[in-house]
Protein backbone atom coordinates (compact mmCIF):
# COMPACT_ATOMS: atom_id res chain seq x y z
CA UNK A 1 -33.37 82.89 -0.60
CA UNK A 2 -33.50 79.82 -3.35
CA UNK A 3 -33.51 76.31 -1.93
CA UNK A 4 -30.99 73.74 -1.84
CA UNK A 5 -30.93 72.03 -5.13
CA UNK A 6 -32.25 68.31 -4.70
CA UNK A 7 -31.76 65.54 -6.77
CA UNK A 8 -33.68 62.28 -7.49
CA UNK A 9 -31.41 59.88 -5.41
CA UNK A 10 -32.00 62.50 -2.47
CA UNK A 11 -35.79 61.64 -2.64
CA UNK A 12 -36.96 58.47 -0.03
CA UNK A 13 -40.06 56.96 -1.65
CA UNK A 14 -40.40 54.72 1.31
CA UNK A 15 -41.03 58.10 3.41
CA UNK A 16 -44.49 58.73 1.02
CA UNK A 17 -46.11 55.28 1.20
CA UNK A 18 -45.54 52.18 3.36
CA UNK A 19 -45.11 49.89 0.07
CA UNK A 20 -44.09 51.91 -2.68
CA UNK A 21 -40.31 49.90 -2.57
CA UNK A 22 -37.98 49.36 0.07
CA UNK A 23 -34.56 51.11 -1.62
CA UNK A 24 -33.63 53.09 -4.49
CA UNK A 25 -30.42 50.57 -4.73
CA UNK A 26 -32.02 47.04 -6.15
CA UNK A 27 -34.41 46.19 -8.24
CA UNK A 28 -34.25 42.61 -7.02
CA UNK A 29 -35.16 41.49 -3.12
CA UNK A 30 -31.40 40.16 -3.28
CA UNK A 31 -29.92 42.61 -0.77
CA UNK A 32 -28.09 42.59 2.24
CA UNK A 33 -31.06 42.27 4.74
CA UNK A 34 -31.91 39.40 2.49
CA UNK A 35 -28.69 38.06 2.74
CA UNK A 36 -28.52 38.15 6.87
CA UNK A 37 -31.92 37.20 6.39
CA UNK A 38 -30.79 33.79 4.55
CA UNK A 39 -27.69 33.52 7.26
CA UNK A 40 -30.24 33.64 10.48
CA UNK A 41 -32.39 30.82 8.70
CA UNK A 42 -29.46 28.66 8.02
CA UNK A 43 -27.97 29.36 11.91
CA UNK A 44 -31.29 28.44 13.10
CA UNK A 45 -33.36 26.12 11.65
CA UNK A 46 -30.23 23.88 10.57
CA UNK A 47 -28.74 22.38 13.91
CA UNK A 48 -25.24 23.40 14.26
CA UNK A 49 -23.87 20.09 14.14
CA UNK A 50 -24.41 19.53 10.96
CA UNK A 51 -21.89 20.82 8.62
CA UNK A 52 -20.56 20.74 5.06
CA UNK A 53 -18.54 17.52 4.07
CA UNK A 54 -15.05 17.27 4.91
CA UNK A 55 -15.00 20.53 7.24
CA UNK A 56 -15.04 21.28 11.02
CA UNK A 57 -17.97 22.39 13.16
CA UNK A 58 -16.23 25.86 13.52
CA UNK A 59 -16.19 26.74 10.13
CA UNK A 60 -18.75 23.79 8.32
CA UNK A 61 -21.83 25.07 9.19
CA UNK A 62 -23.42 26.61 6.51
CA UNK A 63 -24.38 29.76 7.61
CA UNK A 64 -20.74 30.34 9.00
CA UNK A 65 -20.04 29.73 4.80
CA UNK A 66 -22.52 32.36 3.91
CA UNK A 67 -21.05 34.80 6.55
CA UNK A 68 -17.42 34.59 4.82
CA UNK A 69 -19.26 35.23 1.79
CA UNK A 70 -20.63 38.29 2.95
CA UNK A 71 -17.13 39.28 3.83
CA UNK A 72 -16.12 39.03 0.65
CA UNK A 73 -18.76 41.11 -1.12
CA UNK A 74 -18.26 43.86 1.45
CA UNK A 75 -14.62 43.25 0.30
CA UNK A 76 -15.63 43.86 -3.23
CA UNK A 77 -17.76 46.75 -2.73
CA UNK A 78 -15.19 48.48 -0.70
CA UNK A 79 -12.51 47.54 -3.90
CA UNK A 80 -14.54 48.89 -6.30
CA UNK A 81 -15.28 53.07 -6.67
CA UNK A 82 -18.73 52.58 -8.37
CA UNK A 83 -19.73 50.15 -5.40
CA UNK A 84 -18.38 51.84 -2.33
CA UNK A 85 -20.61 53.76 -0.11
CA UNK A 86 -19.92 57.28 0.88
CA UNK A 87 -19.42 58.53 4.00
CA UNK A 88 -17.99 57.58 7.38
CA UNK A 89 -19.12 55.06 9.37
CA UNK A 90 -17.55 54.33 12.97
CA UNK A 91 -18.32 50.48 13.01
CA UNK A 92 -15.99 50.26 10.18
CA UNK A 93 -13.13 51.81 12.37
CA UNK A 94 -14.08 49.39 15.15
CA UNK A 95 -14.41 46.10 13.30
CA UNK A 96 -11.29 47.00 11.84
CA UNK A 97 -9.12 47.71 15.04
CA UNK A 98 -10.96 44.05 16.11
CA UNK A 99 -9.83 42.38 12.81
CA UNK A 100 -6.16 43.74 12.93
CA UNK A 101 -5.53 42.52 16.37
CA UNK A 102 -6.81 39.04 15.53
CA UNK A 103 -4.15 38.86 12.84
CA UNK A 104 -1.54 40.69 14.75
CA UNK A 105 -2.32 37.71 17.35
CA UNK A 106 -2.52 35.01 14.87
CA UNK A 107 1.11 36.07 13.14
CA UNK A 108 2.81 36.14 16.82
CA UNK A 109 1.20 32.52 17.30
CA UNK A 110 2.91 31.21 14.73
CA UNK A 111 6.56 33.20 15.09
CA UNK A 112 6.05 31.20 18.70
CA UNK A 113 5.49 28.04 17.34
CA UNK A 114 2.49 26.13 17.88
CA UNK A 115 1.19 22.76 17.64
CA UNK A 116 -0.90 21.22 15.00
CA UNK A 117 -3.97 20.96 17.09
CA UNK A 118 -3.41 24.94 17.88
CA UNK A 119 -2.27 25.73 14.31
CA UNK A 120 -5.63 24.38 12.99
CA UNK A 121 -7.87 26.49 15.60
CA UNK A 122 -5.84 29.18 14.94
CA UNK A 123 -6.79 29.00 11.15
CA UNK A 124 -10.37 28.14 11.77
CA UNK A 125 -10.43 31.10 14.16
CA UNK A 126 -9.39 33.51 11.68
CA UNK A 127 -11.88 32.41 9.22
CA UNK A 128 -15.30 31.99 12.08
CA UNK A 129 -14.28 34.15 14.28
CA UNK A 130 -12.73 37.24 11.75
CA UNK A 131 -14.06 36.90 8.54
CA UNK A 132 -17.43 35.70 9.28
CA UNK A 133 -18.06 37.70 12.52
CA UNK A 134 -16.95 40.82 10.70
CA UNK A 135 -18.60 39.94 7.70
CA UNK A 136 -22.06 40.18 9.34
CA UNK A 137 -21.00 43.19 11.09
CA UNK A 138 -20.05 45.28 8.04
CA UNK A 139 -22.57 43.51 5.69
CA UNK A 140 -25.47 45.21 8.24
CA UNK A 141 -24.02 48.39 8.98
CA UNK A 142 -23.21 49.32 5.20
CA UNK A 143 -26.17 47.43 3.71
CA UNK A 144 -29.03 48.05 5.24
CA UNK A 145 -30.75 50.66 2.99
CA UNK A 146 -33.47 51.72 5.47
CA UNK A 147 -35.81 51.36 8.15
CA UNK A 148 -37.93 48.90 5.98
CA UNK A 149 -35.50 46.59 5.72
CA UNK A 150 -34.14 47.32 9.24
CA UNK A 151 -37.36 46.01 10.58
CA UNK A 152 -37.42 42.90 8.11
CA UNK A 153 -34.07 41.50 9.23
CA UNK A 154 -35.25 42.14 12.56
CA UNK A 155 -38.40 40.32 12.27
CA UNK A 156 -36.96 37.33 11.03
CA UNK A 157 -34.56 36.81 13.61
CA UNK A 158 -37.21 37.07 16.12
CA UNK A 159 -39.49 34.25 14.30
CA UNK A 160 -36.05 32.42 14.22
CA UNK A 161 -35.78 32.60 17.62
CA UNK A 162 -38.91 31.31 18.37
CA UNK A 163 -38.66 28.28 16.26
CA UNK A 164 -35.26 27.76 18.48
CA UNK A 165 -37.42 28.05 21.69
CA UNK A 166 -40.36 25.49 20.22
CA UNK A 167 -37.67 22.88 19.89
CA UNK A 168 -35.92 23.58 22.81
CA UNK A 169 -39.59 23.47 24.97
CA UNK A 170 -40.10 20.12 22.64
CA UNK A 171 -37.24 19.11 23.76
CA UNK A 172 -37.80 19.10 27.49
CA UNK A 173 -41.41 17.87 27.56
CA UNK A 174 -40.97 14.67 24.82
CA UNK A 175 -39.73 11.38 25.59
CA UNK A 176 -37.21 11.76 22.34
CA UNK A 177 -35.00 14.40 21.27
CA UNK A 178 -36.66 15.77 18.14
CA UNK A 179 -33.56 17.03 16.46
CA UNK A 180 -31.77 13.45 16.32
CA UNK A 181 -34.20 13.45 13.58
CA UNK A 182 -33.41 16.69 11.92
CA UNK A 183 -31.51 15.87 8.76
CA UNK A 184 -30.66 18.06 5.51
CA UNK A 185 -29.14 16.05 2.58
CA UNK A 186 -25.78 16.50 1.62
CA UNK A 187 -24.71 17.95 5.22
CA UNK A 188 -22.34 16.18 7.90
CA UNK A 189 -24.04 14.92 11.13
CA UNK A 190 -21.40 15.07 13.37
CA UNK A 191 -23.58 14.36 16.35
CA UNK A 192 -26.68 15.66 18.42
CA UNK A 193 -25.72 17.67 21.40
CA UNK A 194 -26.74 16.02 24.63
CA UNK A 195 -29.03 17.01 27.70
CA UNK A 196 -27.42 18.17 31.01
CA UNK A 197 -28.85 17.27 34.15
CA UNK A 198 -28.99 20.38 36.80
CA UNK A 199 -30.94 20.09 39.86
CA UNK A 200 -34.19 18.26 38.99
CA UNK A 201 -34.13 19.92 35.43
CA UNK A 202 -33.06 19.19 32.57
CA UNK A 203 -30.94 22.04 30.21
CA UNK A 204 -31.46 21.63 26.31
CA UNK A 205 -29.60 22.88 23.24
CA UNK A 206 -32.32 23.07 20.68
CA UNK A 207 -30.73 23.88 17.51
CA UNK A 208 -27.38 25.20 19.24
CA UNK A 209 -24.73 23.99 20.21
CA UNK A 210 -25.06 24.66 24.08
CA UNK A 211 -27.99 25.06 26.48
CA UNK A 212 -25.69 28.35 27.18
CA UNK A 213 -25.37 29.29 23.42
CA UNK A 214 -29.08 28.89 23.19
CA UNK A 215 -30.06 31.27 26.32
CA UNK A 216 -27.73 33.83 25.15
CA UNK A 217 -29.33 33.56 21.73
CA UNK A 218 -32.73 33.83 22.51
CA UNK A 219 -31.75 36.57 25.39
CA UNK A 220 -30.85 39.36 22.28
CA UNK A 221 -34.42 38.74 20.65
CA UNK A 222 -36.46 39.16 24.07
CA UNK A 223 -35.99 43.40 23.46
CA UNK A 224 -36.77 43.52 19.77
CA UNK A 225 -39.87 41.01 20.21
CA UNK A 226 -41.05 43.30 22.90
CA UNK A 227 -40.59 45.97 20.47
CA UNK A 228 -42.55 44.85 17.70
CA UNK A 229 -45.23 43.90 20.23
CA UNK A 230 -45.39 47.30 21.41
CA UNK A 231 -45.24 49.29 18.13
CA UNK A 232 -46.38 47.26 15.14
CA UNK A 233 -49.32 48.91 13.59
CA UNK A 234 -52.16 46.26 13.56
CA UNK A 235 -53.15 44.97 16.72
CA UNK A 236 -53.43 41.43 15.78
CA UNK A 237 -49.38 41.78 14.74
CA UNK A 238 -48.78 43.38 18.14
CA UNK A 239 -50.58 40.12 19.68
CA UNK A 240 -48.28 37.54 17.44
CA UNK A 241 -44.99 39.58 18.80
CA UNK A 242 -46.49 39.50 22.45
CA UNK A 243 -46.66 35.73 21.97
CA UNK A 244 -43.37 35.33 20.26
CA UNK A 245 -41.60 37.26 23.29
CA UNK A 246 -43.56 34.84 25.72
CA UNK A 247 -42.48 31.66 23.74
CA UNK A 248 -38.79 32.76 23.92
CA UNK A 249 -38.82 33.83 27.34
CA UNK A 250 -40.11 30.30 27.79
CA UNK A 251 -37.01 29.30 25.97
CA UNK A 252 -34.72 30.67 27.66
CA UNK A 253 -36.25 29.24 31.23
CA UNK A 254 -36.12 25.37 30.10
CA UNK A 255 -32.34 26.32 29.79
CA UNK A 256 -31.78 26.55 33.47
CA UNK A 257 -29.28 29.61 32.56
CA UNK A 258 -28.55 32.48 34.94
CA UNK A 259 -26.91 34.12 31.82
CA UNK A 260 -30.40 34.37 29.85
CA UNK A 261 -32.30 35.29 33.39
CA UNK A 262 -30.18 37.78 34.23
CA UNK A 263 -29.90 39.11 30.44
CA UNK A 264 -33.50 39.75 30.53
CA UNK A 265 -33.48 42.00 33.51
CA UNK A 266 -30.93 43.99 31.86
CA UNK A 267 -32.76 44.48 28.79
CA UNK A 268 -35.73 45.25 30.91
CA UNK A 269 -34.07 47.69 33.17
CA UNK A 270 -32.54 49.57 29.75
CA UNK A 271 -35.80 49.62 28.01
CA UNK A 272 -38.01 50.45 31.23
CA UNK A 273 -37.79 54.13 31.10
CA UNK A 274 -38.96 54.80 27.56
CA UNK A 275 -42.29 52.58 28.37
CA UNK A 276 -45.61 53.77 30.15
CA UNK A 277 -46.75 51.79 33.32
CA UNK A 278 -49.50 50.41 31.04
CA UNK A 279 -46.28 48.44 29.01
CA UNK A 280 -44.46 47.79 32.46
CA UNK A 281 -47.50 46.05 33.75
CA UNK A 282 -47.90 43.85 30.51
CA UNK A 283 -44.21 42.72 30.45
CA UNK A 284 -44.30 42.03 34.06
CA UNK A 285 -47.67 40.17 33.80
CA UNK A 286 -46.05 38.48 30.63
CA UNK A 287 -43.13 36.99 32.52
CA UNK A 288 -45.05 35.80 35.60
CA UNK A 289 -47.54 33.85 33.32
CA UNK A 290 -44.53 32.30 31.42
CA UNK A 291 -42.71 31.12 35.05
CA UNK A 292 -46.61 29.87 35.92
CA UNK A 293 -46.59 27.90 32.55
CA UNK A 294 -43.15 26.59 33.10
CA UNK A 295 -44.30 25.57 36.44
CA UNK A 296 -47.31 23.65 35.66
CA UNK A 297 -45.65 21.80 32.76
CA UNK A 298 -42.50 21.00 34.44
CA UNK A 299 -42.44 21.91 38.00
CA UNK A 300 -38.85 20.96 38.75
CA UNK A 301 -37.74 23.53 36.06
CA UNK A 302 -39.03 26.62 38.30
CA UNK A 303 -37.95 24.76 41.62
CA UNK A 304 -34.07 24.56 39.77
CA UNK A 305 -34.20 27.78 38.37
CA UNK A 306 -34.67 29.22 42.11
CA UNK A 307 -32.05 26.68 43.93
CA UNK A 308 -29.22 28.46 41.58
CA UNK A 309 -30.12 31.46 42.36
CA UNK A 310 -30.77 30.77 46.16
CA UNK A 311 -27.47 28.70 46.26
CA UNK A 312 -24.69 30.97 43.87
CA UNK A 313 -22.56 31.28 46.37
CA UNK A 314 -22.24 26.75 47.05
CA UNK A 315 -22.51 26.03 42.88
CA UNK A 316 -19.72 24.05 41.82
CA UNK A 317 -20.25 25.51 38.25
CA UNK A 318 -19.21 29.31 39.78
CA UNK A 319 -16.25 27.82 42.17
CA UNK A 320 -14.56 26.00 39.15
CA UNK A 321 -14.59 29.43 37.40
CA UNK A 322 -12.86 30.99 40.03
CA UNK A 323 -10.39 28.35 40.61
CA UNK A 324 -9.44 29.07 36.76
CA UNK A 325 -8.39 32.66 37.82
CA UNK A 326 -4.85 31.35 38.92
CA UNK A 327 -4.21 29.83 36.16
CA UNK A 328 -5.59 32.23 34.04
CA UNK A 329 -3.06 34.82 35.56
CA UNK A 330 0.16 32.27 34.84
CA UNK A 331 -0.63 32.15 31.38
CA UNK A 332 -1.24 35.62 30.78
CA UNK A 333 1.47 37.17 32.48
CA UNK A 334 3.98 35.11 30.03
CA UNK A 335 2.47 37.27 26.61
CA UNK A 336 0.08 39.75 28.47
CA UNK A 337 -0.35 42.59 24.99
CA UNK A 338 -1.12 40.53 22.43
CA UNK A 339 -1.46 36.84 24.16
CA UNK A 340 -0.69 33.14 22.66
CA UNK A 341 -2.60 33.62 19.56
CA UNK A 342 -5.74 33.84 18.07
CA UNK A 343 -7.89 30.60 18.68
CA UNK A 344 -5.24 28.85 20.19
CA UNK A 345 -6.51 28.18 23.91
CA UNK A 346 -8.04 25.07 21.85
CA UNK A 347 -10.00 21.80 23.54
CA UNK A 348 -8.49 19.68 24.86
CA UNK A 349 -5.17 20.65 25.04
CA UNK A 350 -6.46 23.41 27.22
CA UNK A 351 -9.61 23.40 29.20
CA UNK A 352 -12.35 25.56 29.09
CA UNK A 353 -12.83 29.19 30.69
CA UNK A 354 -16.23 29.68 30.34
CA UNK A 355 -15.64 33.64 30.59
CA UNK A 356 -14.86 34.80 27.39
CA UNK A 357 -12.77 38.21 28.57
CA UNK A 358 -10.44 35.49 30.29
CA UNK A 359 -9.86 33.73 26.64
CA UNK A 360 -9.74 36.98 24.61
CA UNK A 361 -7.09 37.66 27.43
CA UNK A 362 -5.16 34.99 26.83
CA UNK A 363 -5.62 34.33 22.96
CA UNK A 364 -5.16 38.51 21.90
CA UNK A 365 -3.83 39.91 25.22
CA UNK A 366 -4.37 43.67 26.78
CA UNK A 367 -5.01 44.71 23.29
CA UNK A 368 -7.50 42.50 22.18
CA UNK A 369 -9.80 42.78 25.27
CA UNK A 370 -9.59 46.39 24.42
CA UNK A 371 -10.69 46.10 20.98
CA UNK A 372 -13.49 43.54 22.02
CA UNK A 373 -14.58 46.07 24.85
CA UNK A 374 -14.38 48.75 22.37
CA UNK A 375 -16.26 47.31 19.81
CA UNK A 376 -19.56 47.10 21.51
CA UNK A 377 -18.83 50.33 23.10
CA UNK A 378 -18.74 51.99 19.86
CA UNK A 379 -22.10 50.40 19.13
CA UNK A 380 -23.78 51.66 22.35
CA UNK A 381 -22.23 55.08 21.27
CA UNK A 382 -23.71 55.26 18.00
CA UNK A 383 -26.98 53.65 18.62
CA UNK A 384 -27.33 56.52 21.58
CA UNK A 385 -26.67 59.10 18.89
CA UNK A 386 -28.85 57.72 16.48
CA UNK A 387 -31.77 57.82 19.71
CA UNK A 388 -31.05 61.37 20.30
CA UNK A 389 -31.51 62.26 16.47
CA UNK A 390 -34.51 59.65 16.00
CA UNK A 391 -37.83 61.62 14.65
CA UNK A 392 -40.34 59.08 16.41
CA UNK A 393 -40.59 57.22 19.45
CA UNK A 394 -40.57 53.97 17.54
CA UNK A 395 -37.14 54.86 16.08
CA UNK A 396 -35.86 55.33 19.43
CA UNK A 397 -37.66 53.09 21.36
CA UNK A 398 -35.66 50.65 18.33
CA UNK A 399 -32.13 52.20 18.94
CA UNK A 400 -32.57 51.74 22.80
CA UNK A 401 -33.50 48.16 22.46
CA UNK A 402 -30.20 47.43 20.45
CA UNK A 403 -28.23 49.20 23.19
CA UNK A 404 -29.99 46.65 25.47
CA UNK A 405 -28.51 44.13 23.38
CA UNK A 406 -24.52 45.19 23.60
CA UNK A 407 -25.05 45.87 26.96
CA UNK A 408 -26.50 42.61 27.34
CA UNK A 409 -23.82 41.27 25.28
CA UNK A 410 -20.68 42.81 27.72
CA UNK A 411 -22.77 40.57 30.63
CA UNK A 412 -22.62 37.54 28.53
CA UNK A 413 -19.20 37.21 27.21
CA UNK A 414 -18.31 37.07 31.04
CA UNK A 415 -20.59 33.78 31.43
CA UNK A 416 -19.04 31.49 28.46
CA UNK A 417 -16.99 31.51 25.72
CA UNK A 418 -19.57 32.84 24.00
CA UNK A 419 -17.56 34.13 20.52
CA UNK A 420 -16.42 30.42 19.69
CA UNK A 421 -20.59 29.22 19.37
CA UNK A 422 -21.43 30.54 15.89
CA UNK A 423 -25.03 30.85 16.64
CA UNK A 424 -24.83 33.27 19.15
CA UNK A 425 -21.65 34.87 18.32
CA UNK A 426 -22.97 35.30 14.66
CA UNK A 427 -26.51 36.87 15.93
CA UNK A 428 -24.45 39.10 18.09
CA UNK A 429 -22.63 40.01 14.94
CA UNK A 430 -25.88 41.37 13.13
CA UNK A 431 -26.71 43.82 16.39
CA UNK A 432 -23.65 45.35 16.18
CA UNK A 433 -23.72 46.13 12.70
CA UNK A 434 -27.36 47.18 13.13
CA UNK A 435 -26.55 49.68 15.49
CA UNK A 436 -24.52 51.23 13.15
CA UNK A 437 -27.31 50.95 10.61
CA UNK A 438 -28.99 53.32 12.81
CA UNK A 439 -26.97 55.95 13.11
CA UNK A 440 -26.06 56.23 9.14
CA UNK A 441 -30.18 55.79 8.87
CA UNK A 442 -30.54 59.04 11.30
CA UNK A 443 -27.63 60.93 9.87
CA UNK A 444 -28.66 64.49 8.98
CA UNK A 445 -26.58 64.31 5.32
CA UNK A 446 -28.49 62.90 2.76
CA UNK A 447 -24.63 61.70 1.37
CA UNK A 448 -24.84 59.57 4.78
CA UNK A 449 -28.03 58.47 5.47
CA UNK A 450 -29.42 57.08 2.39
CA UNK A 451 -26.65 55.30 1.48
CA UNK A 452 -26.19 55.92 -2.26
CA UNK A 453 -23.62 54.35 -4.34
CA UNK A 454 -21.21 56.07 -6.39
CA UNK A 455 -23.04 54.89 -9.37
CA UNK A 456 -26.04 56.49 -8.22
CA UNK A 457 -25.24 59.95 -8.60
CA UNK A 458 -26.89 61.88 -11.29
């Protein structure tokens, strides 16, 4: 019985040695992973209120503009028979249904008639919440060429989150807000977000727009940092990522946010079944150390964190959220299927809902809720399939890490209008796309797994 023919493009040089090269499809470093890394850098290192002159806060951030360009890049590859990637990708279908729901709601909104404020908000939503969000998802799902480039992108995300966390910690302890002194030539400053007093502590936003956005974005990085602290090859590198996880957790604590803390516990509960008891003890010890360190620096912060959980039933923020349910039900009953239009629930014409599920119900209706939930559930499903196919414990753990980010996202969506904040929403889009990437990288078919473009066929 003869062996099946193997062409040159079926071989994966990265399997033979670590540093041979990352992919057969590129001759330079300007690949999808590099583009997404630049996006993460611009979103996290540059304060959110610095925008391109003549634009708005929703679409004027350099990172958001680059995401729109990535979406155009992905469309160009799909339209060219020489560049398109062959083979299926479930994330593409979930993203397509999500985008179609936005488009249908957008058209319906203009058909019913909009105020100038609503019309402008709808246009911005289609760019920031549609093209930019999908650009990150699709480029990550189709463009990450192998495990090496995937790890590189996740490592960039970790250190970007460490940067945001350190800035937040400095905001908490320094007498001045250092973000006020962070300027980029050529960008317009819309003003630095202020701090919020909660109990006896201060909530800080770092370089994001809102302290809840900071907590949500950092929470996505916690399980990823733990993964590299556990599976990096060298002990010194494992120690560095352990320190990174510690700093990110500390950054979440200074936001004084139930969202961030509960998200961490969700991630830990999902990951613990794959851990040894030693790893579990180390993670618990790291969490206790973070709490003790914050207590030593700012005792009021830990006391306030305890109060927001102990007095949750009397918390005014929760009561205000629940009081909005009747109002949301009234508006929802008027247009239940496709909603009032993408992005049209805009402040100050309408009030903040602090619940993305309710906002999606009002803007995109039942269909919007289904496709948004379907996007996360599809990501969870394909990552779970990849986890079952994975050949090493490191790959299985990484797949489970990506699953945990989607479960956290389902919870975070309930706690604030998360998709209107670009640092979090585009970071989330990256994790959704990476779920599709690991599905492809573990696929049994070489044609799908290696993601070779048609021009490379021999």
